[in-house]
Every structure is written in C-alpha cells, then in structure tokens.
Amino acid sequence: MTLSLVFRIQAVMFAIFGVGMLVAPVAMMASFNVGENAVAASMLQGMSLMVLAMSYMSWQMPNWVGDNIKTVGMFFAIVHVAWMLLSIFQITTGAFPSDTANLVGNIGPDLVLAILFFWKSR
C-alpha cells in the first residue's frame, strides 16, 4: 500500500459521507442516532460541500504535492487524530450517543486513516 493509495481511500470515504450529507442529511443523522431537525439537516447539507471539496483535494493531493507527499500525509494523520479526539469528547459529554454506530462510524475510520497516514508518511 502506498501513501497515494491512502489519500485515495480517504477521498472515497469523504465522498461517501459528503454525498450522504448532501442528498440524505436526515438519514445520515439517523444512522448515527442523532436527533434530526430541519436546521441541522440544512447545516449538514452546507457542510457537505466542504467534505466533497476535501474529497477532491485528497484525490488530487498526490499529483499536486509531488515529493512533499509525506509532509501532507503527516498533516492528515494529525487531522484524523484531532477528529478522533473530538469524537471521543463529544461521545463522553453526551453530545453523541455512545453506541456502536458512533464508535465504529466516527472513531473507526479516523483511527484507521491516522495509523495509515503515520505509517506511510515516515
């Protein structure tokens, strides 16, 4: 597995979440057992554009950065650790339910990607 492939895996993950947030925000919230309402759904749709942009940037990153790919890979490793810590904080404070959907769906992908980015960026 190459670092470029890790970027592509991240891009696909972002794309799946971004499209889900855009076309079915209520279903996305329900899948994580988060109470849905019209305002939250609208905010999720707005944020979906950022997630889709991150998907495109992740896909293109190996082409854009060339020999500096390890530096960007390490940055994304740190970003995934930060997202994981935020998810843990939100779960422990009760902002999100501490069920399997949130543990596996929020923390799981970030843990895997953080490990892969750290490992392949050394």
PDB file of N, CA and C in Angstrom:
ATOM      1  N   MET A   1       0.853  -1.171   0.000  1.00  0.00           N
ATOM      2  CA  MET A   1       0.000   0.000   0.000  1.00  0.00           C
ATOM      3  C   MET A   1       0.901   1.237   0.000  1.00  0.00           C
ATOM      4  N   THR A   2       0.583   2.156  -0.866  1.00  0.00           N
ATOM      5  CA  THR A   2       1.364   3.389  -0.968  1.00  0.00           C
ATOM      6  C   THR A   2       0.631   4.540  -0.271  1.00  0.00           C
ATOM      7  N   LEU A   3       1.370   5.593  -0.022  1.00  0.00           N
ATOM      8  CA  LEU A   3       0.767   6.780   0.570  1.00  0.00           C
ATOM      9  C   LEU A   3      -0.273   7.379  -0.372  1.00  0.00           C
ATOM     10  N   SER A   4      -0.020   7.310  -1.664  1.00  0.00           N
ATOM     11  CA  SER A   4      -1.014   7.804  -2.634  1.00  0.00           C
ATOM     12  C   SER A   4      -2.327   7.049  -2.509  1.00  0.00           C
ATOM     13  N   LEU A   5      -2.241   5.746  -2.268  1.00  0.00           N
ATOM     14  CA  LEU A   5      -3.459   4.952  -2.100  1.00  0.00           C
ATOM     15  C   LEU A   5      -4.202   5.360  -0.833  1.00  0.00           C
ATOM     16  N   VAL A   6      -3.471   5.677   0.234  1.00  0.00           N
ATOM     17  CA  VAL A   6      -4.121   6.127   1.472  1.00  0.00           C
ATOM     18  C   VAL A   6      -4.889   7.424   1.208  1.00  0.00           C
ATOM     19  N   PHE A   7      -4.301   8.330   0.432  1.00  0.00           N
ATOM     20  CA  PHE A   7      -5.020   9.560   0.065  1.00  0.00           C
ATOM     21  C   PHE A   7      -6.289   9.231  -0.714  1.00  0.00           C
ATOM     22  N   ARG A   8      -6.214   8.263  -1.608  1.00  0.00           N
ATOM     23  CA  ARG A   8      -7.387   7.888  -2.414  1.00  0.00           C
ATOM     24  C   ARG A   8      -8.458   7.227  -1.540  1.00  0.00           C
ATOM     25  N   ILE A   9      -8.041   6.406  -0.585  1.00  0.00           N
ATOM     26  CA  ILE A   9      -9.005   5.801   0.346  1.00  0.00           C
ATOM     27  C   ILE A   9      -9.711   6.889   1.142  1.00  0.00           C
ATOM     28  N   GLN A  10      -8.949   7.857   1.622  1.00  0.00           N
ATOM     29  CA  GLN A  10      -9.535   8.981   2.349  1.00  0.00           C
ATOM     30  C   GLN A  10     -10.512   9.741   1.453  1.00  0.00           C
ATOM     31  N   ALA A  11     -10.155   9.945   0.198  1.00  0.00           N
ATOM     32  CA  ALA A  11     -11.025  10.665  -0.736  1.00  0.00           C
ATOM     33  C   ALA A  11     -12.358   9.937  -0.915  1.00  0.00           C
ATOM     34  N   VAL A  12     -12.305   8.628  -1.050  1.00  0.00           N
ATOM     35  CA  VAL A  12     -13.536   7.849  -1.220  1.00  0.00           C
ATOM     36  C   VAL A  12     -14.396   7.942   0.041  1.00  0.00           C
ATOM     37  N   MET A  13     -13.763   7.846   1.215  1.00  0.00           N
ATOM     38  CA  MET A  13     -14.515   7.963   2.464  1.00  0.00           C
ATOM     39  C   MET A  13     -15.195   9.332   2.560  1.00  0.00           C
ATOM     40  N   PHE A  14     -14.431  10.392   2.270  1.00  0.00           N
ATOM     41  CA  PHE A  14     -15.021  11.735   2.281  1.00  0.00           C
ATOM     42  C   PHE A  14     -16.164  11.839   1.274  1.00  0.00           C
ATOM     43  N   ALA A  15     -15.997  11.268   0.095  1.00  0.00           N
ATOM     44  CA  ALA A  15     -17.034  11.344  -0.936  1.00  0.00           C
ATOM     45  C   ALA A  15     -18.313  10.646  -0.483  1.00  0.00           C
ATOM     46  N   ILE A  16     -18.173   9.477   0.123  1.00  0.00           N
ATOM     47  CA  ILE A  16     -19.352   8.744   0.596  1.00  0.00           C
ATOM     48  C   ILE A  16     -20.104   9.571   1.639  1.00  0.00           C
ATOM     49  N   PHE A  17     -19.375  10.103   2.626  1.00  0.00           N
ATOM     50  CA  PHE A  17     -20.019  10.918   3.648  1.00  0.00           C
ATOM     51  C   PHE A  17     -20.559  12.216   3.063  1.00  0.00           C
ATOM     52  N   GLY A  18     -19.813  12.855   2.157  1.00  0.00           N
ATOM     53  CA  GLY A  18     -20.251  14.115   1.566  1.00  0.00           C
ATOM     54  C   GLY A  18     -21.521  13.973   0.753  1.00  0.00           C
ATOM     55  N   VAL A  19     -21.593  12.929  -0.060  1.00  0.00           N
ATOM     56  CA  VAL A  19     -22.808  12.706  -0.856  1.00  0.00           C
ATOM     57  C   VAL A  19     -23.980  12.373   0.061  1.00  0.00           C
ATOM     58  N   GLY A  20     -23.733  11.549   1.068  1.00  0.00           N
ATOM     59  CA  GLY A  20     -24.806  11.227   2.010  1.00  0.00           C
ATOM     60  C   GLY A  20     -25.316  12.456   2.729  1.00  0.00           C
ATOM     61  N   MET A  21     -24.391  13.328   3.142  1.00  0.00           N
ATOM     62  CA  MET A  21     -24.782  14.567   3.821  1.00  0.00           C
ATOM     63  C   MET A  21     -25.579  15.481   2.896  1.00  0.00           C
ATOM     64  N   LEU A  22     -25.246  15.478   1.617  1.00  0.00           N
ATOM     65  CA  LEU A  22     -25.904  16.361   0.664  1.00  0.00           C
ATOM     66  C   LEU A  22     -27.295  15.867   0.290  1.00  0.00           C
ATOM     67  N   VAL A  23     -27.421  14.588  -0.056  1.00  0.00           N
ATOM     68  CA  VAL A  23     -28.694  14.092  -0.584  1.00  0.00           C
ATOM     69  C   VAL A  23     -29.619  13.510   0.474  1.00  0.00           C
ATOM     70  N   ALA A  24     -29.072  13.071   1.613  1.00  0.00           N
ATOM     71  CA  ALA A  24     -29.919  12.464   2.631  1.00  0.00           C
ATOM     72  C   ALA A  24     -29.428  12.834   4.034  1.00  0.00           C
ATOM     73  N   PRO A  25     -29.449  14.131   4.370  1.00  0.00           N
ATOM     74  CA  PRO A  25     -28.906  14.530   5.673  1.00  0.00           C
ATOM     75  C   PRO A  25     -29.655  13.924   6.867  1.00  0.00           C
ATOM     76  N   VAL A  26     -30.960  13.793   6.747  1.00  0.00           N
ATOM     77  CA  VAL A  26     -31.747  13.232   7.852  1.00  0.00           C
ATOM     78  C   VAL A  26     -31.371  11.763   8.064  1.00  0.00           C
ATOM     79  N   ALA A  27     -31.194  11.031   6.977  1.00  0.00           N
ATOM     80  CA  ALA A  27     -30.797   9.621   7.091  1.00  0.00           C
ATOM     81  C   ALA A  27     -29.395   9.499   7.684  1.00  0.00           C
ATOM     82  N   MET A  28     -28.498  10.423   7.331  1.00  0.00           N
ATOM     83  CA  MET A  28     -27.151  10.400   7.901  1.00  0.00           C
ATOM     84  C   MET A  28     -27.213  10.614   9.408  1.00  0.00           C
ATOM     85  N   MET A  29     -28.008  11.587   9.840  1.00  0.00           N
ATOM     86  CA  MET A  29     -28.121  11.837  11.272  1.00  0.00           C
ATOM     87  C   MET A  29     -28.763  10.648  11.982  1.00  0.00           C
ATOM     88  N   ALA A  30     -29.792  10.066  11.378  1.00  0.00           N
ATOM     89  CA  ALA A  30     -30.470   8.921  11.983  1.00  0.00           C
ATOM     90  C   ALA A  30     -29.534   7.716  12.087  1.00  0.00           C
ATOM     91  N   SER A  31     -28.652   7.543  11.111  1.00  0.00           N
ATOM     92  CA  SER A  31     -27.752   6.384  11.147  1.00  0.00           C
ATOM     93  C   SER A  31     -26.768   6.476  12.306  1.00  0.00           C
ATOM     94  N   PHE A  32     -26.511   7.685  12.808  1.00  0.00           N
ATOM     95  CA  PHE A  32     -25.642   7.869  13.964  1.00  0.00           C
ATOM     96  C   PHE A  32     -26.447   8.129  15.239  1.00  0.00           C
ATOM     97  N   ASN A  33     -27.764   7.888  15.167  1.00  0.00           N
ATOM     98  CA  ASN A  33     -28.664   8.079  16.308  1.00  0.00           C
ATOM     99  C   ASN A  33     -28.623   9.501  16.863  1.00  0.00           C
ATOM    100  N   VAL A  34     -28.504  10.456  15.961  1.00  0.00           N
ATOM    101  CA  VAL A  34     -28.502  11.864  16.328  1.00  0.00           C
ATOM    102  C   VAL A  34     -29.863  12.433  15.963  1.00  0.00           C
ATOM    103  N   GLY A  35     -30.475  13.171  16.879  1.00  0.00           N
ATOM    104  CA  GLY A  35     -31.788  13.749  16.619  1.00  0.00           C
ATOM    105  C   GLY A  35     -31.767  14.663  15.412  1.00  0.00           C
ATOM    106  N   GLU A  36     -32.707  14.439  14.526  1.00  0.00           N
ATOM    107  CA  GLU A  36     -32.723  15.228  13.301  1.00  0.00           C
ATOM    108  C   GLU A  36     -33.789  16.318  13.372  1.00  0.00           C
ATOM    109  N   ASN A  37     -33.457  17.457  12.761  1.00  0.00           N
ATOM    110  CA  ASN A  37     -34.411  18.547  12.592  1.00  0.00           C
ATOM    111  C   ASN A  37     -34.023  19.308  11.333  1.00  0.00           C
ATOM    112  N   ALA A  38     -34.875  20.200  10.904  1.00  0.00           N
ATOM    113  CA  ALA A  38     -34.673  20.890   9.630  1.00  0.00           C
ATOM    114  C   ALA A  38     -33.413  21.760   9.637  1.00  0.00           C
ATOM    115  N   VAL A  39     -33.136  22.431  10.734  1.00  0.00           N
ATOM    116  CA  VAL A  39     -31.959  23.300  10.811  1.00  0.00           C
ATOM    117  C   VAL A  39     -30.683  22.465  10.738  1.00  0.00           C
ATOM    118  N   ALA A  40     -30.638  21.378  11.493  1.00  0.00           N
ATOM    119  CA  ALA A  40     -29.451  20.515  11.474  1.00  0.00           C
ATOM    120  C   ALA A  40     -29.258  19.897  10.097  1.00  0.00           C
ATOM    121  N   ALA A  41     -30.351  19.504   9.451  1.00  0.00           N
ATOM    122  CA  ALA A  41     -30.252  18.924   8.109  1.00  0.00           C
ATOM    123  C   ALA A  41     -29.710  19.946   7.115  1.00  0.00           C
ATOM    124  N   SER A  42     -30.158  21.169   7.227  1.00  0.00           N
ATOM    125  CA  SER A  42     -29.661  22.226   6.331  1.00  0.00           C
ATOM    126  C   SER A  42     -28.181  22.505   6.582  1.00  0.00           C
ATOM    127  N   MET A  43     -27.783  22.521   7.845  1.00  0.00           N
ATOM    128  CA  MET A  43     -26.369  22.731   8.162  1.00  0.00           C
ATOM    129  C   MET A  43     -25.518  21.584   7.631  1.00  0.00           C
ATOM    130  N   LEU A  44     -26.022  20.367   7.752  1.00  0.00           N
ATOM    131  CA  LEU A  44     -25.289  19.208   7.258  1.00  0.00           C
ATOM    132  C   LEU A  44     -25.131  19.283   5.742  1.00  0.00           C
ATOM    133  N   GLN A  45     -26.179  19.719   5.055  1.00  0.00           N
ATOM    134  CA  GLN A  45     -26.065  19.884   3.610  1.00  0.00           C
ATOM    135  C   GLN A  45     -25.027  20.935   3.257  1.00  0.00           C
ATOM    136  N   GLY A  46     -24.987  22.024   3.983  1.00  0.00           N
ATOM    137  CA  GLY A  46     -23.982  23.052   3.732  1.00  0.00           C
ATOM    138  C   GLY A  46     -22.575  22.536   3.965  1.00  0.00           C
ATOM    139  N   MET A  47     -22.397  21.783   5.046  1.00  0.00           N
ATOM    140  CA  MET A  47     -21.071  21.229   5.338  1.00  0.00           C
ATOM    141  C   MET A  47     -20.671  20.153   4.342  1.00  0.00           C
ATOM    142  N   SER A  48     -21.656  19.555   3.674  1.00  0.00           N
ATOM    143  CA  SER A  48     -21.339  18.503   2.696  1.00  0.00           C
ATOM    144  C   SER A  48     -20.459  19.033   1.572  1.00  0.00           C
ATOM    145  N   LEU A  49     -20.627  20.289   1.230  1.00  0.00           N
ATOM    146  CA  LEU A  49     -19.802  20.855   0.159  1.00  0.00           C
ATOM    147  C   LEU A  49     -18.338  20.916   0.576  1.00  0.00           C
ATOM    148  N   MET A  50     -18.073  21.203   1.848  1.00  0.00           N
ATOM    149  CA  MET A  50     -16.688  21.194   2.337  1.00  0.00           C
ATOM    150  C   MET A  50     -16.127  19.773   2.328  1.00  0.00           C
ATOM    151  N   VAL A  51     -16.940  18.808   2.719  1.00  0.00           N
ATOM    152  CA  VAL A  51     -16.483  17.419   2.744  1.00  0.00           C
ATOM    153  C   VAL A  51     -16.211  16.934   1.313  1.00  0.00           C
ATOM    154  N   LEU A  52     -17.065  17.311   0.388  1.00  0.00           N
ATOM    155  CA  LEU A  52     -16.829  16.932  -1.016  1.00  0.00           C
ATOM    156  C   LEU A  52     -15.581  17.617  -1.573  1.00  0.00           C
ATOM    157  N   ALA A  53     -15.343  18.857  -1.159  1.00  0.00           N
ATOM    158  CA  ALA A  53     -14.112  19.543  -1.567  1.00  0.00           C
ATOM    159  C   ALA A  53     -12.890  18.838  -0.991  1.00  0.00           C
ATOM    160  N   MET A  54     -12.975  18.401   0.274  1.00  0.00           N
ATOM    161  CA  MET A  54     -11.876  17.638   0.879  1.00  0.00           C
ATOM    162  C   MET A  54     -11.655  16.329   0.128  1.00  0.00           C
ATOM    163  N   SER A  55     -12.728  15.736  -0.351  1.00  0.00           N
ATOM    164  CA  SER A  55     -12.603  14.510  -1.129  1.00  0.00           C
ATOM    165  C   SER A  55     -11.810  14.759  -2.408  1.00  0.00           C
ATOM    166  N   TYR A  56     -12.160  15.807  -3.118  1.00  0.00           N
ATOM    167  CA  TYR A  56     -11.451  16.140  -4.355  1.00  0.00           C
ATOM    168  C   TYR A  56      -9.982  16.471  -4.069  1.00  0.00           C
ATOM    169  N   MET A  57      -9.743  17.259  -3.020  1.00  0.00           N
ATOM    170  CA  MET A  57      -8.362  17.620  -2.688  1.00  0.00           C
ATOM    171  C   MET A  57      -7.559  16.385  -2.297  1.00  0.00           C
ATOM    172  N   SER A  58      -8.168  15.480  -1.548  1.00  0.00           N
ATOM    173  CA  SER A  58      -7.474  14.251  -1.158  1.00  0.00           C
ATOM    174  C   SER A  58      -7.133  13.400  -2.376  1.00  0.00           C
ATOM    175  N   TRP A  59      -8.050  13.335  -3.322  1.00  0.00           N
ATOM    176  CA  TRP A  59      -7.809  12.549  -4.529  1.00  0.00           C
ATOM    177  C   TRP A  59      -6.660  13.149  -5.345  1.00  0.00           C
ATOM    178  N   GLN A  60      -6.623  14.470  -5.425  1.00  0.00           N
ATOM    179  CA  GLN A  60      -5.619  15.152  -6.240  1.00  0.00           C
ATOM    180  C   GLN A  60      -4.287  15.386  -5.521  1.00  0.00           C
ATOM    181  N   MET A  61      -4.284  15.284  -4.197  1.00  0.00           N
ATOM    182  CA  MET A  61      -3.099  15.641  -3.417  1.00  0.00           C
ATOM    183  C   MET A  61      -1.817  14.958  -3.902  1.00  0.00           C
ATOM    184  N   PRO A  62      -1.806  13.658  -4.179  1.00  0.00           N
ATOM    185  CA  PRO A  62      -0.554  13.054  -4.656  1.00  0.00           C
ATOM    186  C   PRO A  62      -0.026  13.706  -5.940  1.00  0.00           C
ATOM    187  N   ASN A  63      -0.920  14.172  -6.787  1.00  0.00           N
ATOM    188  CA  ASN A  63      -0.492  14.842  -8.025  1.00  0.00           C
ATOM    189  C   ASN A  63       0.021  16.252  -7.753  1.00  0.00           C
ATOM    190  N   TRP A  64      -0.577  16.915  -6.792  1.00  0.00           N
ATOM    191  CA  TRP A  64      -0.252  18.313  -6.528  1.00  0.00           C
ATOM    192  C   TRP A  64       1.048  18.497  -5.753  1.00  0.00           C
ATOM    193  N   VAL A  65       1.312  17.634  -4.794  1.00  0.00           N
ATOM    194  CA  VAL A  65       2.432  17.889  -3.894  1.00  0.00           C
ATOM    195  C   VAL A  65       3.722  17.183  -4.283  1.00  0.00           C
ATOM    196  N   GLY A  66       3.660  16.211  -5.154  1.00  0.00           N
ATOM    197  CA  GLY A  66       4.866  15.538  -5.631  1.00  0.00           C
ATOM    198  C   GLY A  66       5.703  14.953  -4.514  1.00  0.00           C
ATOM    199  N   ASP A  67       6.945  15.405  -4.411  1.00  0.00           N
ATOM    200  CA  ASP A  67       7.883  14.864  -3.426  1.00  0.00           C
ATOM    201  C   ASP A  67       7.547  15.255  -1.993  1.00  0.00           C
ATOM    202  N   ASN A  68       6.668  16.196  -1.791  1.00  0.00           N
ATOM    203  CA  ASN A  68       6.285  16.634  -0.446  1.00  0.00           C
ATOM    204  C   ASN A  68       5.107  15.843   0.116  1.00  0.00           C
ATOM    205  N   ILE A  69       4.775  14.725  -0.503  1.00  0.00           N
ATOM    206  CA  ILE A  69       3.580  13.974  -0.109  1.00  0.00           C
ATOM    207  C   ILE A  69       3.649  13.487   1.334  1.00  0.00           C
ATOM    208  N   LYS A  70       4.848  13.166   1.827  1.00  0.00           N
ATOM    209  CA  LYS A  70       4.957  12.686   3.207  1.00  0.00           C
ATOM    210  C   LYS A  70       4.615  13.782   4.215  1.00  0.00           C
ATOM    211  N   THR A  71       4.952  15.010   3.900  1.00  0.00           N
ATOM    212  CA  THR A  71       4.618  16.127   4.784  1.00  0.00           C
ATOM    213  C   THR A  71       3.103  16.293   4.877  1.00  0.00           C
ATOM    214  N   VAL A  72       2.439  16.221   3.745  1.00  0.00           N
ATOM    215  CA  VAL A  72       0.981  16.360   3.731  1.00  0.00           C
ATOM    216  C   VAL A  72       0.335  15.140   4.383  1.00  0.00           C
ATOM    217  N   GLY A  73       0.917  13.969   4.170  1.00  0.00           N
ATOM    218  CA  GLY A  73       0.403  12.761   4.812  1.00  0.00           C
ATOM    219  C   GLY A  73       0.461  12.865   6.322  1.00  0.00           C
ATOM    220  N   MET A  74       1.548  13.389   6.852  1.00  0.00           N
ATOM    221  CA  MET A  74       1.679  13.557   8.302  1.00  0.00           C
ATOM    222  C   MET A  74       0.661  14.576   8.819  1.00  0.00           C
ATOM    223  N   PHE A  75       0.404  15.635   8.027  1.00  0.00           N
ATOM    224  CA  PHE A  75      -0.615  16.613   8.397  1.00  0.00           C
ATOM    225  C   PHE A  75      -1.978  15.932   8.528  1.00  0.00           C
ATOM    226  N   PHE A  76      -2.333  15.100   7.551  1.00  0.00           N
ATOM    227  CA  PHE A  76      -3.630  14.419   7.608  1.00  0.00           C
ATOM    228  C   PHE A  76      -3.678  13.409   8.737  1.00  0.00           C
ATOM    229  N   ALA A  77      -2.550  12.803   9.101  1.00  0.00           N
ATOM    230  CA  ALA A  77      -2.525  11.901  10.257  1.00  0.00           C
ATOM    231  C   ALA A  77      -2.924  12.674  11.507  1.00  0.00           C
ATOM    232  N   ILE A  78      -2.361  13.864  11.656  1.00  0.00           N
ATOM    233  CA  ILE A  78      -2.669  14.705  12.819  1.00  0.00           C
ATOM    234  C   ILE A  78      -4.133  15.161  12.779  1.00  0.00           C
ATOM    235  N   VAL A  79      -4.627  15.493  11.602  1.00  0.00           N
ATOM    236  CA  VAL A  79      -6.033  15.905  11.462  1.00  0.00           C
ATOM    237  C   VAL A  79      -6.961  14.772  11.891  1.00  0.00           C
ATOM    238  N   HIS A  80      -6.661  13.544  11.477  1.00  0.00           N
ATOM    239  CA  HIS A  80      -7.524  12.416  11.860  1.00  0.00           C
ATOM    240  C   HIS A  80      -7.457  12.137  13.360  1.00  0.00           C
ATOM    241  N   VAL A  81      -6.308  12.329  13.969  1.00  0.00           N
ATOM    242  CA  VAL A  81      -6.213  12.185  15.431  1.00  0.00           C
ATOM    243  C   VAL A  81      -7.066  13.263  16.101  1.00  0.00           C
ATOM    244  N   ALA A  82      -7.015  14.483  15.580  1.00  0.00           N
ATOM    245  CA  ALA A  82      -7.829  15.569  16.147  1.00  0.00           C
ATOM    246  C   ALA A  82      -9.321  15.261  16.009  1.00  0.00           C
ATOM    247  N   TRP A  83      -9.744  14.782  14.828  1.00  0.00           N
ATOM    248  CA  TRP A  83     -11.153  14.430  14.643  1.00  0.00           C
ATOM    249  C   TRP A  83     -11.554  13.299  15.580  1.00  0.00           C
ATOM    250  N   MET A  84     -10.648  12.348  15.788  1.00  0.00           N
ATOM    251  CA  MET A  84     -10.928  11.233  16.683  1.00  0.00           C
ATOM    252  C   MET A  84     -11.083  11.728  18.123  1.00  0.00           C
ATOM    253  N   LEU A  85     -10.188  12.609  18.549  1.00  0.00           N
ATOM    254  CA  LEU A  85     -10.280  13.161  19.903  1.00  0.00           C
ATOM    255  C   LEU A  85     -11.565  13.969  20.089  1.00  0.00           C
ATOM    256  N   LEU A  86     -11.938  14.722  19.073  1.00  0.00           N
ATOM    257  CA  LEU A  86     -13.193  15.479  19.153  1.00  0.00           C
ATOM    258  C   LEU A  86     -14.384  14.538  19.254  1.00  0.00           C
ATOM    259  N   SER A  87     -14.381  13.471  18.468  1.00  0.00           N
ATOM    260  CA  SER A  87     -15.477  12.494  18.539  1.00  0.00           C
ATOM    261  C   SER A  87     -15.551  11.855  19.918  1.00  0.00           C
ATOM    262  N   ILE A  88     -14.397  11.499  20.482  1.00  0.00           N
ATOM    263  CA  ILE A  88     -14.376  10.911  21.826  1.00  0.00           C
ATOM    264  C   ILE A  88     -14.920  11.911  22.845  1.00  0.00           C
ATOM    265  N   PHE A  89     -14.503  13.161  22.739  1.00  0.00           N
ATOM    266  CA  PHE A  89     -15.011  14.204  23.638  1.00  0.00           C
ATOM    267  C   PHE A  89     -16.528  14.341  23.510  1.00  0.00           C
ATOM    268  N   GLN A  90     -17.030  14.382  22.269  1.00  0.00           N
ATOM    269  CA  GLN A  90     -18.471  14.542  22.059  1.00  0.00           C
ATOM    270  C   GLN A  90     -19.254  13.347  22.599  1.00  0.00           C
ATOM    271  N   ILE A  91     -18.689  12.161  22.469  1.00  0.00           N
ATOM    272  CA  ILE A  91     -19.365  10.976  22.988  1.00  0.00           C
ATOM    273  C   ILE A  91     -19.348  10.970  24.511  1.00  0.00           C
ATOM    274  N   THR A  92     -18.208  11.329  25.106  1.00  0.00           N
ATOM    275  CA  THR A  92     -18.120  11.307  26.579  1.00  0.00           C
ATOM    276  C   THR A  92     -18.950  12.404  27.239  1.00  0.00           C
ATOM    277  N   THR A  93     -19.180  13.503  26.535  1.00  0.00           N
ATOM    278  CA  THR A  93     -20.008  14.571  27.112  1.00  0.00           C
ATOM    279  C   THR A  93     -21.491  14.389  26.808  1.00  0.00           C
ATOM    280  N   GLY A  94     -21.824  13.368  26.032  1.00  0.00           N
ATOM    281  CA  GLY A  94     -23.221  13.093  25.730  1.00  0.00           C
ATOM    282  C   GLY A  94     -23.762  13.821  24.516  1.00  0.00           C
ATOM    283  N   ALA A  95     -22.919  14.545  23.793  1.00  0.00           N
ATOM    284  CA  ALA A  95     -23.381  15.234  22.594  1.00  0.00           C
ATOM    285  C   ALA A  95     -23.782  14.233  21.514  1.00  0.00           C
ATOM    286  N   PHE A  96     -23.099  13.102  21.484  1.00  0.00           N
ATOM    287  CA  PHE A  96     -23.432  11.999  20.580  1.00  0.00           C
ATOM    288  C   PHE A  96     -23.626  10.752  21.424  1.00  0.00           C
ATOM    289  N   PRO A  97     -24.529   9.874  21.016  1.00  0.00           N
ATOM    290  CA  PRO A  97     -24.725   8.623  21.763  1.00  0.00           C
ATOM    291  C   PRO A  97     -23.456   7.756  21.708  1.00  0.00           C
ATOM    292  N   SER A  98     -23.208   7.020  22.766  1.00  0.00           N
ATOM    293  CA  SER A  98     -22.030   6.148  22.801  1.00  0.00           C
ATOM    294  C   SER A  98     -22.407   4.740  22.366  1.00  0.00           C
ATOM    295  N   ASP A  99     -22.972   4.647  21.186  1.00  0.00           N
ATOM    296  CA  ASP A  99     -23.367   3.345  20.659  1.00  0.00           C
ATOM    297  C   ASP A  99     -22.388   2.896  19.571  1.00  0.00           C
ATOM    298  N   THR A 100     -22.620   1.721  19.062  1.00  0.00           N
ATOM    299  CA  THR A 100     -21.717   1.140  18.066  1.00  0.00           C
ATOM    300  C   THR A 100     -21.612   2.008  16.818  1.00  0.00           C
ATOM    301  N   ALA A 101     -22.714   2.591  16.376  1.00  0.00           N
ATOM    302  CA  ALA A 101     -22.687   3.418  15.159  1.00  0.00           C
ATOM    303  C   ALA A 101     -21.720   4.578  15.306  1.00  0.00           C
ATOM    304  N   ASN A 102     -21.702   5.197  16.450  1.00  0.00           N
ATOM    305  CA  ASN A 102     -20.812   6.340  16.661  1.00  0.00           C
ATOM    306  C   ASN A 102     -19.385   5.905  16.954  1.00  0.00           C
ATOM    307  N   LEU A 103     -19.221   4.830  17.698  1.00  0.00           N
ATOM    308  CA  LEU A 103     -17.870   4.361  17.988  1.00  0.00           C
ATOM    309  C   LEU A 103     -17.179   3.859  16.725  1.00  0.00           C
ATOM    310  N   VAL A 104     -17.892   3.054  15.955  1.00  0.00           N
ATOM    311  CA  VAL A 104     -17.298   2.497  14.735  1.00  0.00           C
ATOM    312  C   VAL A 104     -17.338   3.507  13.585  1.00  0.00           C
ATOM    313  N   GLY A 105     -18.447   4.219  13.452  1.00  0.00           N
ATOM    314  CA  GLY A 105     -18.612   5.135  12.322  1.00  0.00           C
ATOM    315  C   GLY A 105     -17.866   6.442  12.444  1.00  0.00           C
ATOM    316  N   ASN A 106     -17.651   6.920  13.663  1.00  0.00           N
ATOM    317  CA  ASN A 106     -16.927   8.180  13.858  1.00  0.00           C
ATOM    318  C   ASN A 106     -15.456   7.956  14.167  1.00  0.00           C
ATOM    319  N   ILE A 107     -15.186   7.087  15.112  1.00  0.00           N
ATOM    320  CA  ILE A 107     -13.810   6.899  15.558  1.00  0.00           C
ATOM    321  C   ILE A 107     -13.053   5.912  14.673  1.00  0.00           C
ATOM    322  N   GLY A 108     -13.721   4.871  14.226  1.00  0.00           N
ATOM    323  CA  GLY A 108     -13.079   3.817  13.440  1.00  0.00           C
ATOM    324  C   GLY A 108     -12.333   4.297  12.201  1.00  0.00           C
ATOM    325  N   PRO A 109     -13.009   5.008  11.282  1.00  0.00           N
ATOM    326  CA  PRO A 109     -12.307   5.466  10.080  1.00  0.00           C
ATOM    327  C   PRO A 109     -11.144   6.410  10.386  1.00  0.00           C
ATOM    328  N   ASP A 110     -11.324   7.279  11.376  1.00  0.00           N
ATOM    329  CA  ASP A 110     -10.235   8.196  11.726  1.00  0.00           C
ATOM    330  C   ASP A 110      -9.047   7.443  12.317  1.00  0.00           C
ATOM    331  N   LEU A 111      -9.317   6.432  13.122  1.00  0.00           N
ATOM    332  CA  LEU A 111      -8.231   5.639  13.693  1.00  0.00           C
ATOM    333  C   LEU A 111      -7.443   4.924  12.596  1.00  0.00           C
ATOM    334  N   VAL A 112      -8.165   4.287  11.681  1.00  0.00           N
ATOM    335  CA  VAL A 112      -7.501   3.565  10.586  1.00  0.00           C
ATOM    336  C   VAL A 112      -6.703   4.523   9.711  1.00  0.00           C
ATOM    337  N   LEU A 113      -7.312   5.641   9.329  1.00  0.00           N
ATOM    338  CA  LEU A 113      -6.600   6.584   8.461  1.00  0.00           C
ATOM    339  C   LEU A 113      -5.422   7.237   9.173  1.00  0.00           C
ATOM    340  N   ALA A 114      -5.561   7.555  10.458  1.00  0.00           N
ATOM    341  CA  ALA A 114      -4.431   8.131  11.198  1.00  0.00           C
ATOM    342  C   ALA A 114      -3.261   7.156  11.218  1.00  0.00           C
ATOM    343  N   ILE A 115      -3.540   5.895  11.497  1.00  0.00           N
ATOM    344  CA  ILE A 115      -2.477   4.880  11.508  1.00  0.00           C
ATOM    345  C   ILE A 115      -1.830   4.763  10.141  1.00  0.00           C
ATOM    346  N   LEU A 116      -2.655   4.677   9.092  1.00  0.00           N
ATOM    347  CA  LEU A 116      -2.108   4.535   7.739  1.00  0.00           C
ATOM    348  C   LEU A 116      -1.281   5.749   7.334  1.00  0.00           C
ATOM    349  N   PHE A 117      -1.769   6.950   7.625  1.00  0.00           N
ATOM    350  CA  PHE A 117      -1.016   8.147   7.269  1.00  0.00           C
ATOM    351  C   PHE A 117       0.303   8.232   8.047  1.00  0.00           C
ATOM    352  N   PHE A 118       0.278   7.942   9.356  1.00  0.00           N
ATOM    353  CA  PHE A 118       1.521   7.941  10.139  1.00  0.00           C
ATOM    354  C   PHE A 118       2.504   6.898   9.595  1.00  0.00           C
ATOM    355  N   TRP A 119       1.986   5.713   9.361  1.00  0.00           N
ATOM    356  CA  TRP A 119       2.826   4.601   8.911  1.00  0.00           C
ATOM    357  C   TRP A 119       3.462   4.886   7.560  1.00  0.00           C
ATOM    358  N   LYS A 120       2.683   5.369   6.625  1.00  0.00           N
ATOM    359  CA  LYS A 120       3.185   5.579   5.268  1.00  0.00           C
ATOM    360  C   LYS A 120       3.913   6.913   5.090  1.00  0.00           C
ATOM    361  N   SER A 121       3.814   7.811   6.076  1.00  0.00           N
ATOM    362  CA  SER A 121       4.491   9.118   5.963  1.00  0.00           C
ATOM    363  C   SER A 121       5.841   9.150   6.681  1.00  0.00           C
ATOM    364  N   ARG A 122       6.233   8.064   7.294  1.00  0.00           N
ATOM    365  CA  ARG A 122       7.528   8.041   7.995  1.00  0.00           C
ATOM    366  C   ARG A 122       8.673   8.108   7.024  1.00  0.00           C
TER     367      ARG A 122
END
